[in-house]
């Protein structure tokens, strides 16, 4: 793990590497109660400067998860760059190959409480994701998305 300066991590945060992934946290970032940061395989998690990851959010790094600077992630969010294979019917889904592309969250993004960000998504600069949303496609810069699945509410 690589930590920047003035990083604040609560005592009950779980940070795990399963295999070769790297977790990097930028300057002046806070990771609050119950957050889980877990890199799998060769996936990395990169969190920029001046970010806040609020209680009980989970961020996986199966493929790369890249979070920019000045990003606010509210509590109980799930960011998971992975999907299970399901095409074959002759073997259980759990035994099928994982499919992953990665997730990118640009600078100055606000993700509301209880959101799920799915694999392959790019949330562009200045976007807002409304509480409870499931984001399954890219979000343009300075837009506000919400719902299940998330759709454009308006532009900032």
C-alpha atoms as a PDB file:
ATOM      1  CA  UNK A   1       0.000   0.000   0.000  1.00  0.00           C
ATOM      2  CA  UNK A   2       1.173   3.506  -0.835  1.00  0.00           C
ATOM      3  CA  UNK A   3      -0.107   6.370   1.328  1.00  0.00           C
ATOM      4  CA  UNK A   4       0.160  10.073   0.626  1.00  0.00           C
ATOM      5  CA  UNK A   5       0.581  12.753   3.291  1.00  0.00           C
ATOM      6  CA  UNK A   6      -2.119  13.515   5.870  1.00  0.00           C
ATOM      7  CA  UNK A   7      -4.180  10.416   5.053  1.00  0.00           C
ATOM      8  CA  UNK A   8      -6.752   9.573   7.723  1.00  0.00           C
ATOM      9  CA  UNK A   9      -7.877   5.938   7.983  1.00  0.00           C
ATOM     10  CA  UNK A  10     -10.289   4.810  10.729  1.00  0.00           C
ATOM     11  CA  UNK A  11      -9.184   1.811  12.825  1.00  0.00           C
ATOM     12  CA  UNK A  12     -11.911  -0.521  11.547  1.00  0.00           C
ATOM     13  CA  UNK A  13     -11.197  -0.040   7.831  1.00  0.00           C
ATOM     14  CA  UNK A  14     -10.285  -3.275   6.030  1.00  0.00           C
ATOM     15  CA  UNK A  15      -7.519  -3.042   3.431  1.00  0.00           C
ATOM     16  CA  UNK A  16      -6.539  -6.300   1.725  1.00  0.00           C
ATOM     17  CA  UNK A  17      -4.417  -7.393  -1.196  1.00  0.00           C
ATOM     18  CA  UNK A  18      -5.247 -10.754  -2.729  1.00  0.00           C
ATOM     19  CA  UNK A  19      -2.305 -11.426  -5.055  1.00  0.00           C
ATOM     20  CA  UNK A  20      -0.364  -8.633  -6.774  1.00  0.00           C
ATOM     21  CA  UNK A  21      -2.690  -5.622  -6.684  1.00  0.00           C
ATOM     22  CA  UNK A  22      -1.577  -2.266  -5.315  1.00  0.00           C
ATOM     23  CA  UNK A  23      -3.676   0.152  -3.274  1.00  0.00           C
ATOM     24  CA  UNK A  24      -2.603   3.788  -3.454  1.00  0.00           C
ATOM     25  CA  UNK A  25      -4.240   6.603  -1.467  1.00  0.00           C
ATOM     26  CA  UNK A  26      -3.448  10.253  -2.201  1.00  0.00           C
ATOM     27  CA  UNK A  27      -2.774  13.222   0.050  1.00  0.00           C
ATOM     28  CA  UNK A  28      -5.393  14.593   2.464  1.00  0.00           C
ATOM     29  CA  UNK A  29      -7.811  11.722   1.856  1.00  0.00           C
ATOM     30  CA  UNK A  30     -10.026  10.239   4.542  1.00  0.00           C
ATOM     31  CA  UNK A  31     -11.253   6.649   4.709  1.00  0.00           C
ATOM     32  CA  UNK A  32     -13.983   6.322   7.341  1.00  0.00           C
ATOM     33  CA  UNK A  33     -15.598   3.580   9.479  1.00  0.00           C
ATOM     34  CA  UNK A  34     -16.124   0.141   7.996  1.00  0.00           C
ATOM     35  CA  UNK A  35     -14.810   0.881   4.508  1.00  0.00           C
ATOM     36  CA  UNK A  36     -13.368  -2.112   2.635  1.00  0.00           C
ATOM     37  CA  UNK A  37     -10.623  -1.652   0.033  1.00  0.00           C
ATOM     38  CA  UNK A  38      -9.708  -4.969  -1.553  1.00  0.00           C
ATOM     39  CA  UNK A  39      -7.535  -5.601  -4.600  1.00  0.00           C
ATOM     40  CA  UNK A  40      -7.757  -8.992  -6.300  1.00  0.00           C
ATOM     41  CA  UNK A  41      -5.418 -10.628  -8.812  1.00  0.00           C
ATOM     42  CA  UNK A  42      -3.419  -7.880 -10.544  1.00  0.00           C
ATOM     43  CA  UNK A  43      -6.080  -5.204 -10.040  1.00  0.00           C
ATOM     44  CA  UNK A  44      -5.170  -1.895  -8.454  1.00  0.00           C
ATOM     45  CA  UNK A  45      -7.103   0.705  -6.495  1.00  0.00           C
ATOM     46  CA  UNK A  46      -5.912   4.288  -6.879  1.00  0.00           C
ATOM     47  CA  UNK A  47      -7.590   7.033  -4.851  1.00  0.00           C
ATOM     48  CA  UNK A  48      -6.520  10.614  -5.530  1.00  0.00           C
ATOM     49  CA  UNK A  49      -5.928  13.620  -3.307  1.00  0.00           C
ATOM     50  CA  UNK A  50      -8.548  15.308  -1.092  1.00  0.00           C
ATOM     51  CA  UNK A  51     -11.087  12.481  -1.326  1.00  0.00           C
ATOM     52  CA  UNK A  52     -13.546  11.177   1.237  1.00  0.00           C
ATOM     53  CA  UNK A  53     -14.727   7.579   1.322  1.00  0.00           C
ATOM     54  CA  UNK A  54     -17.565   7.459   3.827  1.00  0.00           C
ATOM     55  CA  UNK A  55     -18.670   4.666   6.165  1.00  0.00           C
ATOM     56  CA  UNK A  56     -19.301   1.142   4.954  1.00  0.00           C
ATOM     57  CA  UNK A  57     -18.475   1.702   1.302  1.00  0.00           C
ATOM     58  CA  UNK A  58     -16.724  -1.127  -0.549  1.00  0.00           C
ATOM     59  CA  UNK A  59     -14.201  -0.618  -3.340  1.00  0.00           C
ATOM     60  CA  UNK A  60     -12.780  -3.610  -5.181  1.00  0.00           C
ATOM     61  CA  UNK A  61      -9.820  -3.648  -7.514  1.00  0.00           C
ATOM     62  CA  UNK A  62     -10.345  -6.789  -9.588  1.00  0.00           C
ATOM     63  CA  UNK A  63      -9.517  -4.769 -12.664  1.00  0.00           C
ATOM     64  CA  UNK A  64      -8.192  -1.278 -12.026  1.00  0.00           C
ATOM     65  CA  UNK A  65     -10.342   1.137 -10.048  1.00  0.00           C
ATOM     66  CA  UNK A  66      -9.126   4.706 -10.494  1.00  0.00           C
ATOM     67  CA  UNK A  67     -10.619   7.509  -8.408  1.00  0.00           C
ATOM     68  CA  UNK A  68      -9.499  11.074  -9.148  1.00  0.00           C
ATOM     69  CA  UNK A  69      -8.983  14.078  -6.882  1.00  0.00           C
ATOM     70  CA  UNK A  70     -11.679  15.821  -4.811  1.00  0.00           C
ATOM     71  CA  UNK A  71     -14.062  12.857  -5.061  1.00  0.00           C
ATOM     72  CA  UNK A  72     -16.774  12.404  -2.420  1.00  0.00           C
ATOM     73  CA  UNK A  73     -18.178   8.893  -1.995  1.00  0.00           C
ATOM     74  CA  UNK A  74     -21.045   8.714   0.500  1.00  0.00           C
ATOM     75  CA  UNK A  75     -21.688   5.805   2.824  1.00  0.00           C
ATOM     76  CA  UNK A  76     -22.794   2.321   1.790  1.00  0.00           C
ATOM     77  CA  UNK A  77     -21.594   2.567  -1.819  1.00  0.00           C
ATOM     78  CA  UNK A  78     -20.282  -0.379  -3.835  1.00  0.00           C
ATOM     79  CA  UNK A  79     -17.685   0.047  -6.573  1.00  0.00           C
ATOM     80  CA  UNK A  80     -16.936  -3.272  -8.225  1.00  0.00           C
ATOM     81  CA  UNK A  81     -15.041  -3.698 -11.495  1.00  0.00           C
ATOM     82  CA  UNK A  82     -16.011  -7.320 -12.075  1.00  0.00           C
ATOM     83  CA  UNK A  83     -18.716  -9.564 -13.497  1.00  0.00           C
ATOM     84  CA  UNK A  84     -19.094 -13.309 -13.206  1.00  0.00           C
ATOM     85  CA  UNK A  85     -19.302 -15.365 -16.371  1.00  0.00           C
ATOM     86  CA  UNK A  86     -22.685 -16.991 -16.880  1.00  0.00           C
ATOM     87  CA  UNK A  87     -22.856 -18.154 -20.501  1.00  0.00           C
ATOM     88  CA  UNK A  88     -22.077 -21.813 -19.901  1.00  0.00           C
ATOM     89  CA  UNK A  89     -24.822 -23.952 -18.413  1.00  0.00           C
ATOM     90  CA  UNK A  90     -22.681 -27.044 -17.868  1.00  0.00           C
ATOM     91  CA  UNK A  91     -20.681 -25.541 -14.991  1.00  0.00           C
ATOM     92  CA  UNK A  92     -21.717 -23.303 -12.077  1.00  0.00           C
ATOM     93  CA  UNK A  93     -21.379 -19.544 -12.603  1.00  0.00           C
ATOM     94  CA  UNK A  94     -19.021 -19.407  -9.639  1.00  0.00           C
ATOM     95  CA  UNK A  95     -16.523 -21.539 -11.605  1.00  0.00           C
ATOM     96  CA  UNK A  96     -16.761 -19.560 -14.839  1.00  0.00           C
ATOM     97  CA  UNK A  97     -14.193 -16.986 -15.881  1.00  0.00           C
ATOM     98  CA  UNK A  98     -14.594 -13.483 -14.464  1.00  0.00           C
ATOM     99  CA  UNK A  99     -15.032 -10.631 -16.903  1.00  0.00           C
ATOM    100  CA  UNK A 100     -13.621  -7.231 -15.963  1.00  0.00           C
ATOM    101  CA  UNK A 101     -12.833  -3.891 -17.602  1.00  0.00           C
ATOM    102  CA  UNK A 102     -12.196  -1.491 -14.713  1.00  0.00           C
ATOM    103  CA  UNK A 103     -13.828   1.661 -13.368  1.00  0.00           C
ATOM    104  CA  UNK A 104     -12.677   5.286 -13.694  1.00  0.00           C
ATOM    105  CA  UNK A 105     -14.062   8.123 -11.590  1.00  0.00           C
ATOM    106  CA  UNK A 106     -12.643  11.481 -12.639  1.00  0.00           C
ATOM    107  CA  UNK A 107     -11.956  14.559 -10.486  1.00  0.00           C
ATOM    108  CA  UNK A 108     -14.640  16.493  -8.580  1.00  0.00           C
ATOM    109  CA  UNK A 109     -17.301  13.751  -8.549  1.00  0.00           C
ATOM    110  CA  UNK A 110     -19.948  13.306  -5.847  1.00  0.00           C
ATOM    111  CA  UNK A 111     -21.461   9.843  -5.432  1.00  0.00           C
ATOM    112  CA  UNK A 112     -24.527   9.828  -3.178  1.00  0.00           C
ATOM    113  CA  UNK A 113     -25.418   7.338  -0.446  1.00  0.00           C
ATOM    114  CA  UNK A 114     -26.002   3.705  -1.371  1.00  0.00           C
ATOM    115  CA  UNK A 115     -24.883   3.827  -5.009  1.00  0.00           C
ATOM    116  CA  UNK A 116     -23.525   0.897  -6.986  1.00  0.00           C
ATOM    117  CA  UNK A 117     -20.967   1.557  -9.723  1.00  0.00           C
ATOM    118  CA  UNK A 118     -20.635  -1.406 -12.094  1.00  0.00           C
ATOM    119  CA  UNK A 119     -17.737  -2.661 -14.191  1.00  0.00           C
ATOM    120  CA  UNK A 120     -16.669  -0.738 -17.281  1.00  0.00           C
ATOM    121  CA  UNK A 121     -18.113   2.609 -16.130  1.00  0.00           C
ATOM    122  CA  UNK A 122     -16.336   5.947 -16.535  1.00  0.00           C
ATOM    123  CA  UNK A 123     -17.804   8.789 -14.466  1.00  0.00           C
ATOM    124  CA  UNK A 124     -16.464  11.997 -15.967  1.00  0.00           C
ATOM    125  CA  UNK A 125     -15.325  15.200 -14.252  1.00  0.00           C
ATOM    126  CA  UNK A 126     -17.789  17.139 -12.110  1.00  0.00           C
ATOM    127  CA  UNK A 127     -20.610  14.572 -12.293  1.00  0.00           C
ATOM    128  CA  UNK A 128     -23.076  13.864  -9.495  1.00  0.00           C
ATOM    129  CA  UNK A 129     -24.654  10.458  -8.899  1.00  0.00           C
ATOM    130  CA  UNK A 130     -27.934  10.604  -6.955  1.00  0.00           C
ATOM    131  CA  UNK A 131     -28.362   8.463  -3.845  1.00  0.00           C
ATOM    132  CA  UNK A 132     -29.405   4.866  -4.450  1.00  0.00           C
ATOM    133  CA  UNK A 133     -28.422   4.795  -8.116  1.00  0.00           C
ATOM    134  CA  UNK A 134     -27.021   1.870 -10.066  1.00  0.00           C
ATOM    135  CA  UNK A 135     -24.558   3.162 -12.664  1.00  0.00           C
ATOM    136  CA  UNK A 136     -24.071   0.744 -15.552  1.00  0.00           C
ATOM    137  CA  UNK A 137     -22.905   3.117 -18.304  1.00  0.00           C
ATOM    138  CA  UNK A 138     -20.595   6.099 -18.669  1.00  0.00           C
ATOM    139  CA  UNK A 139     -21.639   9.415 -17.124  1.00  0.00           C
ATOM    140  CA  UNK A 140     -20.727  12.604 -19.048  1.00  0.00           C
ATOM    141  CA  UNK A 141     -18.913  15.473 -17.371  1.00  0.00           C
ATOM    142  CA  UNK A 142     -20.905  17.931 -15.258  1.00  0.00           C
ATOM    143  CA  UNK A 143     -24.078  15.863 -15.451  1.00  0.00           C
ATOM    144  CA  UNK A 144     -26.396  14.586 -12.723  1.00  0.00           C
ATOM    145  CA  UNK A 145     -27.481  10.952 -13.047  1.00  0.00           C
ATOM    146  CA  UNK A 146     -29.862   8.977 -10.877  1.00  0.00           C
ATOM    147  CA  UNK A 147     -32.103   5.927 -10.757  1.00  0.00           C
ATOM    148  CA  UNK A 148     -31.941   2.207 -11.433  1.00  0.00           C
ATOM    149  CA  UNK A 149     -30.406   2.070 -13.910  1.00  0.00           C
ATOM    150  CA  UNK A 150     -28.972   5.592 -13.656  1.00  0.00           C
ATOM    151  CA  UNK A 151     -30.180   8.050 -16.311  1.00  0.00           C
ATOM    152  CA  UNK A 152     -29.596  11.728 -16.984  1.00  0.00           C
ATOM    153  CA  UNK A 153     -31.562  13.979 -14.617  1.00  0.00           C
ATOM    154  CA  UNK A 154     -29.991  17.234 -15.792  1.00  0.00           C
ATOM    155  CA  UNK A 155     -26.684  18.931 -16.534  1.00  0.00           C
ATOM    156  CA  UNK A 156     -24.947  21.090 -13.974  1.00  0.00           C
END
